[in-house]
Protein backbone atom coordinates (compact mmCIF):
# COMPACT_ATOMS: atom_id res chain seq x y z
CA MET A 1 18.25 3.52 -33.35
CA SER A 2 17.05 0.96 -31.77
CA GLN A 3 16.83 0.39 -27.87
CA GLY A 4 17.22 -2.54 -25.73
CA ARG A 5 14.28 -3.41 -23.48
CA ILE A 6 13.74 -5.55 -20.68
CA THR A 7 11.29 -8.83 -21.30
CA ASP A 8 11.51 -10.27 -18.45
CA GLN A 9 12.66 -10.42 -14.93
CA ALA A 10 13.51 -13.35 -12.28
CA SER A 11 14.03 -13.41 -8.05
CA ILE A 12 17.22 -15.37 -7.33
CA LEU A 13 16.97 -16.95 -4.19
CA LEU A 14 19.78 -19.22 -2.60
CA ALA A 15 18.88 -22.79 -0.40
CA ARG A 16 20.62 -24.98 1.51
CA ASP A 17 18.82 -28.02 -0.89
CA VAL A 18 17.82 -27.09 -3.83
CA GLY A 19 15.80 -30.08 -4.74
CA ALA A 20 13.75 -29.45 -1.60
CA ALA A 21 13.26 -25.73 -2.69
CA VAL A 22 11.83 -26.54 -6.44
CA ALA A 23 9.71 -29.26 -4.56
CA TYR A 24 8.23 -26.49 -2.17
CA TRP A 25 7.99 -24.28 -4.95
CA VAL A 26 6.23 -26.57 -7.31
CA GLU A 27 4.05 -27.94 -4.26
CA LYS A 28 3.34 -25.35 -2.06
CA VAL A 29 3.37 -22.05 -4.48
CA GLY A 30 2.00 -23.52 -8.02
CA PHE A 31 5.38 -22.68 -9.93
CA LYS A 32 6.29 -25.13 -12.72
CA ILE A 33 10.04 -26.36 -13.21
CA ALA A 34 11.26 -25.06 -16.30
CA GLY A 35 14.74 -26.35 -15.86
CA THR A 36 17.20 -28.03 -13.31
CA TRP A 37 21.30 -28.19 -13.64
CA GLY A 38 23.54 -30.75 -12.12
CA GLU A 39 22.88 -34.12 -10.23
CA PRO A 40 21.45 -33.74 -7.78
CA PRO A 41 20.11 -30.09 -9.13
CA ASP A 42 22.15 -27.20 -7.84
CA PHE A 43 20.77 -24.69 -9.71
CA ALA A 44 16.97 -24.47 -10.98
CA ILE A 45 14.50 -22.16 -13.09
CA LEU A 46 10.32 -21.54 -12.13
CA GLU A 47 7.77 -20.79 -13.71
CA ARG A 48 4.36 -19.22 -13.08
CA ASP A 49 2.04 -16.98 -14.89
CA GLY A 50 4.93 -15.41 -16.64
CA ALA A 51 6.86 -14.49 -13.60
CA HIS A 52 10.15 -16.39 -12.32
CA VAL A 53 12.12 -17.73 -9.94
CA MET A 54 15.71 -18.87 -9.98
CA ILE A 55 17.02 -21.20 -7.25
CA GLY A 56 20.60 -21.39 -6.54
CA MET A 57 22.55 -23.70 -4.52
CA ALA A 58 24.20 -21.71 -1.45
CA GLY A 59 26.91 -24.62 -1.00
CA GLY A 60 29.33 -25.03 1.50
CA ASP A 61 29.15 -24.08 5.05
CA HIS A 62 27.84 -20.64 3.49
CA GLU A 63 24.51 -18.57 5.65
CA ILE A 64 21.76 -18.13 4.11
CA VAL A 65 20.47 -14.42 5.25
CA PRO A 66 17.00 -13.55 4.51
CA TYR A 67 16.18 -9.74 4.18
CA TRP A 68 14.24 -9.67 6.98
CA LYS A 69 16.54 -10.48 9.21
CA ILE A 70 18.81 -7.61 8.02
CA ARG A 71 15.79 -5.16 7.64
CA PRO A 72 12.54 -5.68 9.21
CA ASN A 73 9.72 -6.61 6.80
CA LEU A 74 11.76 -6.50 3.34
CA TRP A 75 11.15 -9.41 1.17
CA ASN A 76 13.63 -11.24 -0.71
CA ALA A 77 11.15 -11.78 -3.96
CA TYR A 78 7.50 -10.23 -4.11
CA PHE A 79 5.41 -10.92 -7.05
CA TRP A 80 1.76 -8.24 -8.11
CA VAL A 81 -1.23 -10.62 -8.83
CA ALA A 82 -4.60 -9.73 -9.79
CA ASP A 83 -6.61 -11.08 -6.83
CA ALA A 84 -4.48 -11.41 -3.74
CA ARG A 85 -7.86 -12.93 -1.77
CA ALA A 86 -7.83 -16.07 -4.45
CA MET A 87 -3.86 -16.45 -4.22
CA PHE A 88 -3.64 -16.53 -0.44
CA GLU A 89 -6.76 -19.28 -0.51
CA GLU A 90 -4.69 -21.45 -3.14
CA LEU A 91 -1.32 -21.21 -1.10
CA SER A 92 -2.87 -21.56 2.09
CA GLY A 93 -4.92 -24.70 0.85
CA ARG A 94 -1.36 -25.65 -0.60
CA GLY A 95 0.30 -26.01 2.94
CA ALA A 96 2.20 -22.72 2.06
CA GLN A 97 3.94 -21.70 5.15
CA ILE A 98 2.27 -18.46 5.43
CA ASP A 99 4.58 -15.50 7.32
CA TYR A 100 1.31 -13.04 7.91
CA SER A 101 -2.12 -13.01 6.27
CA LEU A 102 -4.17 -10.38 4.24
CA CYS A 103 -3.87 -7.22 5.20
CA THR A 104 -4.50 -3.98 3.59
CA GLN A 105 -1.58 -1.92 3.35
CA PRO A 106 -1.04 2.04 3.92
CA TYR A 107 0.62 1.99 0.52
CA GLY A 108 -3.08 0.73 -1.16
CA VAL A 109 -2.17 -2.96 -1.72
CA LEU A 110 -3.78 -5.79 -0.16
CA GLU A 111 -0.74 -8.23 0.54
CA PHE A 112 0.20 -11.50 2.22
CA GLY A 113 3.62 -12.94 2.73
CA ILE A 114 4.81 -16.58 2.80
CA GLN A 115 8.33 -18.13 3.79
CA ASP A 116 10.17 -20.81 1.74
CA THR A 117 12.11 -23.60 2.82
CA ASP A 118 15.06 -21.00 3.86
CA GLY A 119 13.16 -18.71 5.23
CA HIS A 120 13.02 -16.18 2.73
CA ASP A 121 10.35 -13.94 2.83
CA ILE A 122 8.06 -13.85 -0.35
CA GLY A 123 5.13 -11.38 -0.76
CA PHE A 124 1.99 -11.08 -2.90
CA GLY A 125 0.42 -7.69 -3.05
CA GLU A 126 -2.66 -6.63 -5.59
CA VAL A 127 -2.57 -2.72 -5.89
CA LEU A 128 -6.34 -1.42 -4.63
CA LYS A 129 -5.51 2.19 -5.52
CA PRO A 130 -3.13 4.05 -7.66
CA ALA A 131 0.21 4.85 -5.82
CA SER A 132 0.08 8.58 -4.84
CA ASP A 133 2.82 10.83 -7.04
CA SER A 134 4.81 11.81 -3.38
């Protein structure tokens, strides 16, 4: 009997202005547009290195509340990377809004974070050592 398996995953973020959010992710974070829908766009899928982000219009007067405002130090999206220093230098050079600079976390990850146009925290981390089994 065959089993289903997960072949991909996407973070899903709300935006006040999908066009502005897409421009940020393309220009500052290096993603490519996989597709946009609506005129003006109210939904988009972006891709970089096999990772995806979906951006949807919040609509109306809905408030966007990034996770860090509910629970301190919690991201809305997190990307594991092969070289956190190189990624940090690239995104800094592109003008991404750095939320926190490169640091080695107690859980063995070299990490940094950015914020997008709607205040979502986006983390990038490189595993330095295997996670403990505890």
